[in-house]
Amino acid sequence: LTAIYQNHPTANFISMRGLGGGHHVVRALVLLDGIPINDPF
């Protein structure tokens, strides 16, 4: 609920359809022109 520039970078989770997120958990894939841009680590 906080914008990306107001968060610690590792708290910028992304999920969809209620699968949950929270700190250090990501459950959706983000692509830039078909190339993944989720942080690899």
PDB file of all heavy atoms in Angstrom:
ATOM      1  N   LEU A   1       0.819  -1.209   0.000  1.00  0.00           N
ATOM      2  CA  LEU A   1       0.000   0.000   0.000  1.00  0.00           C
ATOM      3  C   LEU A   1       0.853   1.259   0.000  1.00  0.00           C
ATOM      4  O   LEU A   1       0.352   2.349  -0.266  1.00  0.00           O
ATOM      5  CB  LEU A   1      -0.942  -0.002   1.207  1.00  0.00           C
ATOM      6  CG  LEU A   1      -1.937  -1.163   1.255  1.00  0.00           C
ATOM      7  CD1 LEU A   1      -2.807  -1.064   2.505  1.00  0.00           C
ATOM      8  CD2 LEU A   1      -2.803  -1.206   0.003  1.00  0.00           C
ATOM      9  N   THR A   2       2.133   1.117   0.297  1.00  0.00           N
ATOM     10  CA  THR A   2       3.072   2.224   0.156  1.00  0.00           C
ATOM     11  C   THR A   2       3.681   2.185  -1.234  1.00  0.00           C
ATOM     12  O   THR A   2       3.893   1.115  -1.804  1.00  0.00           O
ATOM     13  CB  THR A   2       4.195   2.124   1.201  1.00  0.00           C
ATOM     14  OG1 THR A   2       4.691   0.775   1.242  1.00  0.00           O
ATOM     15  CG2 THR A   2       3.711   2.502   2.575  1.00  0.00           C
ATOM     16  N   ALA A   3       3.980   3.359  -1.800  1.00  0.00           N
ATOM     17  CA  ALA A   3       4.588   3.426  -3.121  1.00  0.00           C
ATOM     18  C   ALA A   3       6.023   2.906  -3.062  1.00  0.00           C
ATOM     19  O   ALA A   3       6.657   2.878  -2.002  1.00  0.00           O
ATOM     20  CB  ALA A   3       4.567   4.859  -3.639  1.00  0.00           C
ATOM     21  N   ILE A   4       6.549   2.531  -4.216  1.00  0.00           N
ATOM     22  CA  ILE A   4       7.872   1.903  -4.277  1.00  0.00           C
ATOM     23  C   ILE A   4       8.953   2.784  -3.667  1.00  0.00           C
ATOM     24  O   ILE A   4       9.872   2.291  -3.003  1.00  0.00           O
ATOM     25  CB  ILE A   4       8.233   1.542  -5.730  1.00  0.00           C
ATOM     26  CG1 ILE A   4       9.583   0.813  -5.769  1.00  0.00           C
ATOM     27  CG2 ILE A   4       8.225   2.760  -6.638  1.00  0.00           C
ATOM     28  CD1 ILE A   4       9.929   0.256  -7.117  1.00  0.00           C
ATOM     29  N   TYR A   5       8.862   4.087  -3.857  1.00  0.00           N
ATOM     30  CA  TYR A   5       9.906   4.978  -3.361  1.00  0.00           C
ATOM     31  C   TYR A   5       9.780   5.233  -1.863  1.00  0.00           C
ATOM     32  O   TYR A   5      10.635   5.899  -1.280  1.00  0.00           O
ATOM     33  CB  TYR A   5       9.890   6.298  -4.142  1.00  0.00           C
ATOM     34  CG  TYR A   5       8.527   6.915  -4.316  1.00  0.00           C
ATOM     35  CD1 TYR A   5       8.016   7.807  -3.383  1.00  0.00           C
ATOM     36  CD2 TYR A   5       7.756   6.604  -5.425  1.00  0.00           C
ATOM     37  CE1 TYR A   5       6.765   8.372  -3.550  1.00  0.00           C
ATOM     38  CE2 TYR A   5       6.500   7.173  -5.601  1.00  0.00           C
ATOM     39  CZ  TYR A   5       6.011   8.045  -4.665  1.00  0.00           C
ATOM     40  OH  TYR A   5       4.771   8.611  -4.824  1.00  0.00           O
ATOM     41  N   GLN A   6       8.713   4.717  -1.220  1.00  0.00           N
ATOM     42  CA  GLN A   6       8.542   4.854   0.224  1.00  0.00           C
ATOM     43  C   GLN A   6       8.893   3.564   0.970  1.00  0.00           C
ATOM     44  O   GLN A   6       8.835   3.526   2.196  1.00  0.00           O
ATOM     45  CB  GLN A   6       7.087   5.227   0.525  1.00  0.00           C
ATOM     46  CG  GLN A   6       6.639   6.527  -0.125  1.00  0.00           C
ATOM     47  CD  GLN A   6       5.133   6.649  -0.204  1.00  0.00           C
ATOM     48  OE1 GLN A   6       4.399   5.812   0.324  1.00  0.00           O
ATOM     49  NE2 GLN A   6       4.648   7.689  -0.874  1.00  0.00           N
ATOM     50  N   ASN A   7       9.265   2.509   0.231  1.00  0.00           N
ATOM     51  CA  ASN A   7       9.535   1.196   0.811  1.00  0.00           C
ATOM     52  C   ASN A   7      11.014   0.867   0.824  1.00  0.00           C
ATOM     53  O   ASN A   7      11.783   1.358  -0.022  1.00  0.00           O
ATOM     54  CB  ASN A   7       8.865   0.104  -0.046  1.00  0.00           C
ATOM     55  CG  ASN A   7       7.462  -0.215   0.413  1.00  0.00           C
ATOM     56  OD1 ASN A   7       7.123  -0.005   1.564  1.00  0.00           O
ATOM     57  ND2 ASN A   7       6.657  -0.714  -0.498  1.00  0.00           N
ATOM     58  N   HIS A   8      11.398  -0.025   1.732  1.00  0.00           N
ATOM     59  CA  HIS A   8      12.681  -0.692   1.556  1.00  0.00           C
ATOM     60  C   HIS A   8      12.578  -1.522   0.281  1.00  0.00           C
ATOM     61  O   HIS A   8      11.563  -2.176   0.031  1.00  0.00           O
ATOM     62  CB  HIS A   8      12.972  -1.605   2.755  1.00  0.00           C
ATOM     63  CG  HIS A   8      14.383  -2.100   2.794  1.00  0.00           C
ATOM     64  ND1 HIS A   8      14.830  -3.144   2.014  1.00  0.00           N
ATOM     65  CD2 HIS A   8      15.453  -1.692   3.525  1.00  0.00           C
ATOM     66  CE1 HIS A   8      16.106  -3.365   2.257  1.00  0.00           C
ATOM     67  NE2 HIS A   8      16.518  -2.487   3.170  1.00  0.00           N
ATOM     68  N   PRO A   9      13.609  -1.502  -0.583  1.00  0.00           N
ATOM     69  CA  PRO A   9      13.491  -2.212  -1.863  1.00  0.00           C
ATOM     70  C   PRO A   9      13.047  -3.664  -1.741  1.00  0.00           C
ATOM     71  O   PRO A   9      12.247  -4.144  -2.560  1.00  0.00           O
ATOM     72  CB  PRO A   9      14.907  -2.108  -2.446  1.00  0.00           C
ATOM     73  CG  PRO A   9      15.433  -0.832  -1.885  1.00  0.00           C
ATOM     74  CD  PRO A   9      14.883  -0.761  -0.489  1.00  0.00           C
ATOM     75  N   THR A  10      13.517  -4.379  -0.722  1.00  0.00           N
ATOM     76  CA  THR A  10      13.149  -5.794  -0.594  1.00  0.00           C
ATOM     77  C   THR A  10      11.700  -5.988  -0.173  1.00  0.00           C
ATOM     78  O   THR A  10      11.201  -7.115  -0.197  1.00  0.00           O
ATOM     79  CB  THR A  10      14.074  -6.507   0.412  1.00  0.00           C
ATOM     80  OG1 THR A  10      13.958  -5.885   1.693  1.00  0.00           O
ATOM     81  CG2 THR A  10      15.524  -6.451  -0.048  1.00  0.00           C
ATOM     82  N   ALA A  11      11.016  -4.901   0.198  1.00  0.00           N
ATOM     83  CA  ALA A  11       9.600  -5.002   0.581  1.00  0.00           C
ATOM     84  C   ALA A  11       8.667  -4.744  -0.588  1.00  0.00           C
ATOM     85  O   ALA A  11       7.450  -4.750  -0.413  1.00  0.00           O
ATOM     86  CB  ALA A  11       9.295  -4.016   1.713  1.00  0.00           C
ATOM     87  N   ASN A  12       9.219  -4.509  -1.783  1.00  0.00           N
ATOM     88  CA  ASN A  12       8.384  -4.221  -2.942  1.00  0.00           C
ATOM     89  C   ASN A  12       7.921  -5.520  -3.603  1.00  0.00           C
ATOM     90  O   ASN A  12       8.310  -5.861  -4.721  1.00  0.00           O
ATOM     91  CB  ASN A  12       9.148  -3.340  -3.935  1.00  0.00           C
ATOM     92  CG  ASN A  12       9.265  -1.917  -3.443  1.00  0.00           C
ATOM     93  OD1 ASN A  12       8.287  -1.314  -3.023  1.00  0.00           O
ATOM     94  ND2 ASN A  12      10.467  -1.389  -3.467  1.00  0.00           N
ATOM     95  N   PHE A  13       7.079  -6.249  -2.891  1.00  0.00           N
ATOM     96  CA  PHE A  13       6.577  -7.519  -3.401  1.00  0.00           C
ATOM     97  C   PHE A  13       5.534  -7.282  -4.483  1.00  0.00           C
ATOM     98  O   PHE A  13       4.977  -6.198  -4.637  1.00  0.00           O
ATOM     99  CB  PHE A  13       5.977  -8.354  -2.267  1.00  0.00           C
ATOM    100  CG  PHE A  13       4.680  -7.823  -1.710  1.00  0.00           C
ATOM    101  CD1 PHE A  13       3.464  -8.139  -2.304  1.00  0.00           C
ATOM    102  CD2 PHE A  13       4.669  -7.012  -0.580  1.00  0.00           C
ATOM    103  CE1 PHE A  13       2.265  -7.661  -1.791  1.00  0.00           C
ATOM    104  CE2 PHE A  13       3.471  -6.524  -0.069  1.00  0.00           C
ATOM    105  CZ  PHE A  13       2.270  -6.850  -0.672  1.00  0.00           C
ATOM    106  N   ILE A  14       5.268  -8.310  -5.245  1.00  0.00           N
ATOM    107  CA  ILE A  14       4.201  -8.301  -6.238  1.00  0.00           C
ATOM    108  C   ILE A  14       3.574  -9.689  -6.254  1.00  0.00           C
ATOM    109  O   ILE A  14       4.289 -10.694  -6.326  1.00  0.00           O
ATOM    110  CB  ILE A  14       4.716  -7.892  -7.642  1.00  0.00           C
ATOM    111  CG1 ILE A  14       3.654  -8.131  -8.728  1.00  0.00           C
ATOM    112  CG2 ILE A  14       5.980  -8.664  -8.007  1.00  0.00           C
ATOM    113  CD1 ILE A  14       2.532  -7.174  -8.711  1.00  0.00           C
ATOM    114  N   SER A  15       2.266  -9.750  -6.109  1.00  0.00           N
ATOM    115  CA  SER A  15       1.561 -11.024  -6.247  1.00  0.00           C
ATOM    116  C   SER A  15       0.228 -10.736  -6.913  1.00  0.00           C
ATOM    117  O   SER A  15      -0.131  -9.581  -7.148  1.00  0.00           O
ATOM    118  CB  SER A  15       1.373 -11.726  -4.899  1.00  0.00           C
ATOM    119  OG  SER A  15       0.431 -11.037  -4.096  1.00  0.00           O
ATOM    120  N   MET A  16      -0.509 -11.775  -7.216  1.00  0.00           N
ATOM    121  CA  MET A  16      -1.797 -11.618  -7.879  1.00  0.00           C
ATOM    122  C   MET A  16      -2.780 -12.626  -7.320  1.00  0.00           C
ATOM    123  O   MET A  16      -2.404 -13.684  -6.827  1.00  0.00           O
ATOM    124  CB  MET A  16      -1.651 -11.777  -9.396  1.00  0.00           C
ATOM    125  CG  MET A  16      -0.776 -10.689 -10.034  1.00  0.00           C
ATOM    126  SD  MET A  16      -0.400 -10.956 -11.775  1.00  0.00           S
ATOM    127  CE  MET A  16      -1.999 -10.649 -12.493  1.00  0.00           C
ATOM    128  N   ARG A  17      -4.057 -12.260  -7.401  1.00  0.00           N
ATOM    129  CA  ARG A  17      -5.149 -13.119  -6.963  1.00  0.00           C
ATOM    130  C   ARG A  17      -4.989 -13.613  -5.528  1.00  0.00           C
ATOM    131  O   ARG A  17      -5.248 -14.766  -5.213  1.00  0.00           O
ATOM    132  CB  ARG A  17      -5.316 -14.287  -7.929  1.00  0.00           C
ATOM    133  CG  ARG A  17      -6.004 -13.886  -9.218  1.00  0.00           C
ATOM    134  CD  ARG A  17      -6.452 -15.069 -10.035  1.00  0.00           C
ATOM    135  NE  ARG A  17      -7.361 -14.617 -11.099  1.00  0.00           N
ATOM    136  CZ  ARG A  17      -7.767 -15.393 -12.092  1.00  0.00           C
ATOM    137  NH1 ARG A  17      -7.362 -16.644 -12.161  1.00  0.00           N
ATOM    138  NH2 ARG A  17      -8.581 -14.934 -13.020  1.00  0.00           N
ATOM    139  N   GLY A  18      -4.529 -12.732  -4.647  1.00  0.00           N
ATOM    140  CA  GLY A  18      -4.538 -13.026  -3.226  1.00  0.00           C
ATOM    141  C   GLY A  18      -3.559 -14.072  -2.760  1.00  0.00           C
ATOM    142  O   GLY A  18      -3.711 -14.596  -1.652  1.00  0.00           O
ATOM    143  N   LEU A  19      -2.523 -14.360  -3.553  1.00  0.00           N
ATOM    144  CA  LEU A  19      -1.590 -15.414  -3.151  1.00  0.00           C
ATOM    145  C   LEU A  19      -0.646 -14.976  -2.050  1.00  0.00           C
ATOM    146  O   LEU A  19       0.133 -15.786  -1.550  1.00  0.00           O
ATOM    147  CB  LEU A  19      -0.790 -15.902  -4.365  1.00  0.00           C
ATOM    148  CG  LEU A  19      -1.602 -16.714  -5.372  1.00  0.00           C
ATOM    149  CD1 LEU A  19      -0.719 -17.128  -6.541  1.00  0.00           C
ATOM    150  CD2 LEU A  19      -2.221 -17.945  -4.722  1.00  0.00           C
ATOM    151  N   GLY A  20      -0.695 -13.735  -1.674  1.00  0.00           N
ATOM    152  CA  GLY A  20       0.124 -13.303  -0.542  1.00  0.00           C
ATOM    153  C   GLY A  20       1.464 -12.792  -1.010  1.00  0.00           C
ATOM    154  O   GLY A  20       1.985 -13.175  -2.052  1.00  0.00           O
ATOM    155  N   GLY A  21       2.005 -11.906  -0.228  1.00  0.00           N
ATOM    156  CA  GLY A  21       3.302 -11.333  -0.536  1.00  0.00           C
ATOM    157  C   GLY A  21       4.061 -11.107   0.748  1.00  0.00           C
ATOM    158  O   GLY A  21       4.577 -12.031   1.336  1.00  0.00           O
ATOM    159  N   GLY A  22       4.072  -9.868   1.189  1.00  0.00           N
ATOM    160  CA  GLY A  22       4.835  -9.553   2.392  1.00  0.00           C
ATOM    161  C   GLY A  22       6.303  -9.437   2.045  1.00  0.00           C
ATOM    162  O   GLY A  22       6.728  -9.544   0.899  1.00  0.00           O
ATOM    163  N   HIS A  23       7.103  -9.222   3.048  1.00  0.00           N
ATOM    164  CA  HIS A  23       8.525  -9.000   2.847  1.00  0.00           C
ATOM    165  C   HIS A  23       9.192 -10.261   2.300  1.00  0.00           C
ATOM    166  O   HIS A  23       9.004 -11.362   2.798  1.00  0.00           O
ATOM    167  CB  HIS A  23       9.177  -8.573   4.160  1.00  0.00           C
ATOM    168  CG  HIS A  23       8.661  -7.265   4.663  1.00  0.00           C
ATOM    169  ND1 HIS A  23       9.182  -6.058   4.278  1.00  0.00           N
ATOM    170  CD2 HIS A  23       7.623  -6.969   5.492  1.00  0.00           C
ATOM    171  CE1 HIS A  23       8.514  -5.072   4.857  1.00  0.00           C
ATOM    172  NE2 HIS A  23       7.567  -5.597   5.603  1.00  0.00           N
ATOM    173  N   HIS A  24       9.970 -10.096   1.225  1.00  0.00           N
ATOM    174  CA  HIS A  24      10.824 -11.146   0.658  1.00  0.00           C
ATOM    175  C   HIS A  24      10.030 -12.271  -0.004  1.00  0.00           C
ATOM    176  O   HIS A  24      10.572 -13.358  -0.196  1.00  0.00           O
ATOM    177  CB  HIS A  24      11.763 -11.734   1.724  1.00  0.00           C
ATOM    178  CG  HIS A  24      12.601 -10.705   2.417  1.00  0.00           C
ATOM    179  ND1 HIS A  24      13.842 -10.334   1.962  1.00  0.00           N
ATOM    180  CD2 HIS A  24      12.371  -9.932   3.512  1.00  0.00           C
ATOM    181  CE1 HIS A  24      14.354  -9.404   2.755  1.00  0.00           C
ATOM    182  NE2 HIS A  24      13.475  -9.134   3.707  1.00  0.00           N
ATOM    183  N   VAL A  25       8.778 -12.065  -0.377  1.00  0.00           N
ATOM    184  CA  VAL A  25       7.996 -13.107  -1.047  1.00  0.00           C
ATOM    185  C   VAL A  25       7.324 -12.494  -2.271  1.00  0.00           C
ATOM    186  O   VAL A  25       6.631 -11.492  -2.162  1.00  0.00           O
ATOM    187  CB  VAL A  25       6.941 -13.727  -0.113  1.00  0.00           C
ATOM    188  CG1 VAL A  25       6.122 -14.763  -0.872  1.00  0.00           C
ATOM    189  CG2 VAL A  25       7.610 -14.381   1.089  1.00  0.00           C
ATOM    190  N   VAL A  26       7.533 -13.114  -3.437  1.00  0.00           N
ATOM    191  CA  VAL A  26       6.983 -12.627  -4.692  1.00  0.00           C
ATOM    192  C   VAL A  26       6.317 -13.791  -5.402  1.00  0.00           C
ATOM    193  O   VAL A  26       6.900 -14.869  -5.535  1.00  0.00           O
ATOM    194  CB  VAL A  26       8.091 -12.026  -5.583  1.00  0.00           C
ATOM    195  CG1 VAL A  26       7.557 -11.697  -6.965  1.00  0.00           C
ATOM    196  CG2 VAL A  26       8.669 -10.775  -4.929  1.00  0.00           C
ATOM    197  N   ARG A  27       5.080 -13.575  -5.864  1.00  0.00           N
ATOM    198  CA  ARG A  27       4.347 -14.653  -6.531  1.00  0.00           C
ATOM    199  C   ARG A  27       3.703 -14.169  -7.831  1.00  0.00           C
ATOM    200  O   ARG A  27       2.592 -14.545  -8.166  1.00  0.00           O
ATOM    201  CB  ARG A  27       3.309 -15.255  -5.577  1.00  0.00           C
ATOM    202  CG  ARG A  27       3.953 -15.910  -4.355  1.00  0.00           C
ATOM    203  CD  ARG A  27       2.966 -16.678  -3.496  1.00  0.00           C
ATOM    204  NE  ARG A  27       3.640 -17.321  -2.380  1.00  0.00           N
ATOM    205  CZ  ARG A  27       3.634 -16.879  -1.125  1.00  0.00           C
ATOM    206  NH1 ARG A  27       2.973 -15.773  -0.820  1.00  0.00           N
ATOM    207  NH2 ARG A  27       4.276 -17.538  -0.178  1.00  0.00           N
ATOM    208  N   ALA A  28       4.396 -13.324  -8.568  1.00  0.00           N
ATOM    209  CA  ALA A  28       3.979 -12.910  -9.906  1.00  0.00           C
ATOM    210  C   ALA A  28       5.234 -12.567 -10.701  1.00  0.00           C
ATOM    211  O   ALA A  28       6.223 -12.074 -10.148  1.00  0.00           O
ATOM    212  CB  ALA A  28       3.032 -11.719  -9.861  1.00  0.00           C
ATOM    213  N   LEU A  29       5.184 -12.843 -11.992  1.00  0.00           N
ATOM    214  CA  LEU A  29       6.312 -12.585 -12.882  1.00  0.00           C
ATOM    215  C   LEU A  29       6.097 -11.251 -13.583  1.00  0.00           C
ATOM    216  O   LEU A  29       5.013 -10.964 -14.085  1.00  0.00           O
ATOM    217  CB  LEU A  29       6.425 -13.709 -13.912  1.00  0.00           C
ATOM    218  CG  LEU A  29       7.490 -13.552 -14.999  1.00  0.00           C
ATOM    219  CD1 LEU A  29       8.888 -13.582 -14.396  1.00  0.00           C
ATOM    220  CD2 LEU A  29       7.337 -14.633 -16.064  1.00  0.00           C
ATOM    221  N   VAL A  30       7.149 -10.429 -13.633  1.00  0.00           N
ATOM    222  CA  VAL A  30       7.094  -9.151 -14.338  1.00  0.00           C
ATOM    223  C   VAL A  30       8.129  -9.176 -15.459  1.00  0.00           C
ATOM    224  O   VAL A  30       9.299  -9.519 -15.234  1.00  0.00           O
ATOM    225  CB  VAL A  30       7.342  -7.966 -13.391  1.00  0.00           C
ATOM    226  CG1 VAL A  30       7.264  -6.644 -14.153  1.00  0.00           C
ATOM    227  CG2 VAL A  30       6.326  -7.972 -12.252  1.00  0.00           C
ATOM    228  N   LEU A  31       7.679  -8.817 -16.659  1.00  0.00           N
ATOM    229  CA  LEU A  31       8.527  -8.836 -17.849  1.00  0.00           C
ATOM    230  C   LEU A  31       8.648  -7.433 -18.419  1.00  0.00           C
ATOM    231  O   LEU A  31       7.734  -6.615 -18.300  1.00  0.00           O
ATOM    232  CB  LEU A  31       7.928  -9.747 -18.923  1.00  0.00           C
ATOM    233  CG  LEU A  31       7.575 -11.181 -18.533  1.00  0.00           C
ATOM    234  CD1 LEU A  31       6.751 -11.836 -19.637  1.00  0.00           C
ATOM    235  CD2 LEU A  31       8.838 -11.994 -18.271  1.00  0.00           C
ATOM    236  N   LEU A  32       9.770  -7.165 -19.066  1.00  0.00           N
ATOM    237  CA  LEU A  32       9.964  -5.959 -19.858  1.00  0.00           C
ATOM    238  C   LEU A  32      10.232  -6.406 -21.287  1.00  0.00           C
ATOM    239  O   LEU A  32      11.288  -6.987 -21.573  1.00  0.00           O
ATOM    240  CB  LEU A  32      11.129  -5.129 -19.313  1.00  0.00           C
ATOM    241  CG  LEU A  32      11.461  -3.844 -20.081  1.00  0.00           C
ATOM    242  CD1 LEU A  32      10.280  -2.876 -20.069  1.00  0.00           C
ATOM    243  CD2 LEU A  32      12.705  -3.170 -19.508  1.00  0.00           C
ATOM    244  N   ASP A  33       9.258  -6.218 -22.157  1.00  0.00           N
ATOM    245  CA  ASP A  33       9.344  -6.712 -23.539  1.00  0.00           C
ATOM    246  C   ASP A  33       9.662  -8.205 -23.577  1.00  0.00           C
ATOM    247  O   ASP A  33      10.475  -8.674 -24.378  1.00  0.00           O
ATOM    248  CB  ASP A  33      10.403  -5.931 -24.322  1.00  0.00           C
ATOM    249  CG  ASP A  33      10.012  -4.474 -24.536  1.00  0.00           C
ATOM    250  OD1 ASP A  33       8.808  -4.212 -24.718  1.00  0.00           O
ATOM    251  OD2 ASP A  33      10.905  -3.614 -24.505  1.00  0.00           O
ATOM    252  N   GLY A  34       9.003  -8.953 -22.693  1.00  0.00           N
ATOM    253  CA  GLY A  34       9.166 -10.400 -22.676  1.00  0.00           C
ATOM    254  C   GLY A  34      10.379 -10.909 -21.931  1.00  0.00           C
ATOM    255  O   GLY A  34      10.607 -12.126 -21.873  1.00  0.00           O
ATOM    256  N   ILE A  35      11.163 -10.015 -21.305  1.00  0.00           N
ATOM    257  CA  ILE A  35      12.377 -10.382 -20.567  1.00  0.00           C
ATOM    258  C   ILE A  35      12.114 -10.170 -19.072  1.00  0.00           C
ATOM    259  O   ILE A  35      11.644  -9.110 -18.668  1.00  0.00           O
ATOM    260  CB  ILE A  35      13.579  -9.528 -21.002  1.00  0.00           C
ATOM    261  CG1 ILE A  35      13.815  -9.659 -22.514  1.00  0.00           C
ATOM    262  CG2 ILE A  35      14.825  -9.917 -20.222  1.00  0.00           C
ATOM    263  CD1 ILE A  35      14.196 -11.023 -22.989  1.00  0.00           C
ATOM    264  N   PRO A  36      12.409 -11.161 -18.198  1.00  0.00           N
ATOM    265  CA  PRO A  36      12.094 -11.007 -16.772  1.00  0.00           C
ATOM    266  C   PRO A  36      12.885  -9.885 -16.117  1.00  0.00           C
ATOM    267  O   PRO A  36      14.088  -9.731 -16.366  1.00  0.00           O
ATOM    268  CB  PRO A  36      12.470 -12.372 -16.170  1.00  0.00           C
ATOM    269  CG  PRO A  36      13.413 -12.992 -17.149  1.00  0.00           C
ATOM    270  CD  PRO A  36      13.018 -12.481 -18.495  1.00  0.00           C
ATOM    271  N   ILE A  37      12.202  -9.084 -15.262  1.00  0.00           N
ATOM    272  CA  ILE A  37      12.889  -8.021 -14.514  1.00  0.00           C
ATOM    273  C   ILE A  37      12.666  -8.138 -13.009  1.00  0.00           C
ATOM    274  O   ILE A  37      13.030  -7.223 -12.272  1.00  0.00           O
ATOM    275  CB  ILE A  37      12.509  -6.616 -15.009  1.00  0.00           C
ATOM    276  CG1 ILE A  37      11.008  -6.359 -14.843  1.00  0.00           C
ATOM    277  CG2 ILE A  37      12.962  -6.391 -16.428  1.00  0.00           C
ATOM    278  CD1 ILE A  37      10.636  -4.898 -15.048  1.00  0.00           C
ATOM    279  N   ASN A  38      12.063  -9.235 -12.524  1.00  0.00           N
ATOM    280  CA  ASN A  38      12.105  -9.485 -11.079  1.00  0.00           C
ATOM    281  C   ASN A  38      13.556  -9.564 -10.655  1.00  0.00           C
ATOM    282  O   ASN A  38      14.393 -10.153 -11.359  1.00  0.00           O
ATOM    283  CB  ASN A  38      11.421 -10.806 -10.741  1.00  0.00           C
ATOM    284  CG  ASN A  38       9.936 -10.803 -11.029  1.00  0.00           C
ATOM    285  OD1 ASN A  38       9.542 -10.949 -12.173  1.00  0.00           O
ATOM    286  ND2 ASN A  38       9.121 -10.655 -10.001  1.00  0.00           N
ATOM    287  N   ASP A  39      13.888  -8.986  -9.512  1.00  0.00           N
ATOM    288  CA  ASP A  39      15.266  -9.050  -9.041  1.00  0.00           C
ATOM    289  C   ASP A  39      15.699 -10.511  -8.929  1.00  0.00           C
ATOM    290  O   ASP A  39      15.014 -11.313  -8.285  1.00  0.00           O
ATOM    291  CB  ASP A  39      15.396  -8.361  -7.685  1.00  0.00           C
ATOM    292  CG  ASP A  39      16.823  -8.336  -7.192  1.00  0.00           C
ATOM    293  OD1 ASP A  39      17.547  -7.410  -7.559  1.00  0.00           O
ATOM    294  OD2 ASP A  39      17.205  -9.264  -6.448  1.00  0.00           O
ATOM    295  N   PRO A  40      16.820 -10.908  -9.539  1.00  0.00           N
ATOM    296  CA  PRO A  40      17.197 -12.327  -9.556  1.00  0.00           C
ATOM    297  C   PRO A  40      17.486 -12.914  -8.177  1.00  0.00           C
ATOM    298  O   PRO A  40      17.283 -14.110  -7.967  1.00  0.00           O
ATOM    299  CB  PRO A  40      18.462 -12.350 -10.431  1.00  0.00           C
ATOM    300  CG  PRO A  40      18.421 -11.084 -11.219  1.00  0.00           C
ATOM    301  CD  PRO A  40      17.740 -10.086 -10.335  1.00  0.00           C
ATOM    302  N   PHE A  41      17.941 -12.084  -7.230  1.00  0.00           N
ATOM    303  CA  PHE A  41      18.317 -12.576  -5.902  1.00  0.00           C
ATOM    304  C   PHE A  41      17.137 -12.558  -4.935  1.00  0.00           C
ATOM    305  O   PHE A  41      16.888 -13.523  -4.215  1.00  0.00           O
ATOM    306  CB  PHE A  41      19.451 -11.718  -5.344  1.00  0.00           C
ATOM    307  CG  PHE A  41      20.124 -12.277  -4.111  1.00  0.00           C
ATOM    308  CD1 PHE A  41      21.267 -13.049  -4.215  1.00  0.00           C
ATOM    309  CD2 PHE A  41      19.614 -12.017  -2.842  1.00  0.00           C
ATOM    310  CE1 PHE A  41      21.894 -13.558  -3.078  1.00  0.00           C
ATOM    311  CE2 PHE A  41      20.220 -12.528  -1.709  1.00  0.00           C
ATOM    312  CZ  PHE A  41      21.363 -13.304  -1.823  1.00  0.00           C
TER     313      PHE A  41
END
